[in-house]
Amino acid sequence: MQIEEHSSRLQRRRRRSGGAEAEAAAMGVMEKLKVFVVKEPVVAASCLIAGFGLFLPAVVRPILDSWETAEKVPPPPLNDVVAGVTGKKK
């Protein structure tokens, strides 16, 4: 009897469409996320801020580098830098 119940449950699961299973899984994730935000709002806000902190440099910097609107300024000679830091003149 128990084996028959188990096999009939498996058959019902197989009949479900793939979209329904994905939708059910997504709803489960969204519900867990809502519960997490309600229980731990500070941690959720920190995760959101961290997401922006990782996203912006990874995406914006390459975009800015690809534009290259201004010419690169050559660095000053090392002797001038050392002289300026130490206060010694040439």
Protein backbone atom coordinates (compact mmCIF):
# COMPACT_ATOMS: atom_id res chain seq x y z
CA MET A 1 0.00 0.00 0.00
CA GLN A 2 2.74 2.42 0.94
CA ILE A 3 4.69 1.71 -2.24
CA GLU A 4 1.63 2.40 -4.36
CA GLU A 5 1.08 5.78 -2.66
CA HIS A 6 4.70 6.71 -3.23
CA SER A 7 4.61 5.74 -6.91
CA SER A 8 1.36 7.67 -7.48
CA ARG A 9 2.92 10.76 -5.89
CA LEU A 10 5.90 10.45 -8.19
CA GLN A 11 3.64 10.16 -11.22
CA ARG A 12 1.76 13.33 -10.19
CA ARG A 13 5.05 15.19 -9.81
CA ARG A 14 6.17 14.09 -13.26
CA ARG A 15 2.93 15.39 -14.77
CA ARG A 16 3.58 18.92 -13.56
CA SER A 17 4.95 21.20 -16.18
CA GLY A 18 8.49 22.52 -15.83
CA GLY A 19 7.19 26.11 -15.69
CA ALA A 20 4.97 25.32 -12.71
CA GLU A 21 7.87 23.84 -10.78
CA ALA A 22 10.09 26.82 -11.53
CA GLU A 23 7.30 29.18 -10.53
CA ALA A 24 6.76 27.30 -7.28
CA ALA A 25 10.49 27.41 -6.55
CA ALA A 26 10.62 31.14 -7.27
CA MET A 27 7.69 31.76 -4.96
CA GLY A 28 9.48 29.82 -2.24
CA VAL A 29 12.60 31.92 -2.65
CA MET A 30 10.60 35.17 -2.62
CA GLU A 31 8.74 34.12 0.52
CA LYS A 32 12.01 33.25 2.26
CA LEU A 33 13.45 36.61 1.17
CA LYS A 34 10.43 38.45 2.59
CA VAL A 35 10.75 36.60 5.89
CA PHE A 36 14.48 37.38 5.99
CA VAL A 37 13.86 41.11 5.41
CA VAL A 38 11.21 41.20 8.13
CA LYS A 39 13.32 39.28 10.66
CA GLU A 40 16.68 40.90 9.89
CA PRO A 41 16.16 44.34 8.28
CA VAL A 42 19.64 45.63 9.14
CA VAL A 43 21.37 42.60 7.67
CA ALA A 44 19.16 42.80 4.55
CA ALA A 45 20.01 46.49 4.10
CA SER A 46 23.71 45.70 4.53
CA CYS A 47 23.47 43.00 1.86
CA LEU A 48 21.79 45.47 -0.48
CA ILE A 49 24.50 48.08 0.09
CA ALA A 50 27.19 45.44 -0.43
CA GLY A 51 25.52 44.42 -3.69
CA PHE A 52 25.74 47.98 -4.96
CA GLY A 53 29.33 48.19 -3.74
CA LEU A 54 30.26 45.14 -5.79
CA PHE A 55 28.13 46.04 -8.81
CA LEU A 56 29.22 49.62 -9.39
CA PRO A 57 33.01 49.16 -9.68
CA ALA A 58 32.58 45.98 -11.71
CA VAL A 59 30.28 47.63 -14.26
CA VAL A 60 30.79 51.39 -14.22
CA ARG A 61 34.60 51.46 -14.25
CA PRO A 62 34.98 49.45 -17.49
CA ILE A 63 32.36 51.67 -19.13
CA LEU A 64 34.26 54.80 -18.14
CA ASP A 65 37.54 53.27 -19.28
CA SER A 66 36.07 52.43 -22.68
CA TRP A 67 35.13 56.05 -23.36
CA GLU A 68 38.68 57.45 -23.00
CA THR A 69 37.59 61.01 -23.71
CA ALA A 70 40.70 62.69 -22.28
CA GLU A 71 44.35 62.05 -23.01
CA LYS A 72 46.32 60.35 -20.31
CA VAL A 73 48.69 62.65 -18.43
CA PRO A 74 52.21 61.23 -18.16
CA PRO A 75 53.44 60.81 -14.58
CA PRO A 76 56.08 63.26 -13.34
CA PRO A 77 59.68 62.08 -13.17
CA LEU A 78 60.52 60.20 -9.98
CA ASN A 79 63.29 62.65 -9.06
CA ASP A 80 60.77 65.53 -8.94
CA VAL A 81 58.41 63.50 -6.75
CA VAL A 82 61.18 62.59 -4.29
CA ALA A 83 62.38 66.19 -4.20
CA GLY A 84 58.86 67.43 -3.49
CA VAL A 85 58.26 64.90 -0.70
CA THR A 86 61.61 65.39 1.06
CA GLY A 87 61.64 69.16 0.57
CA LYS A 88 65.09 69.07 -1.04
CA LYS A 89 65.59 71.11 -4.16
CA LYS A 90 67.72 69.95 -7.07
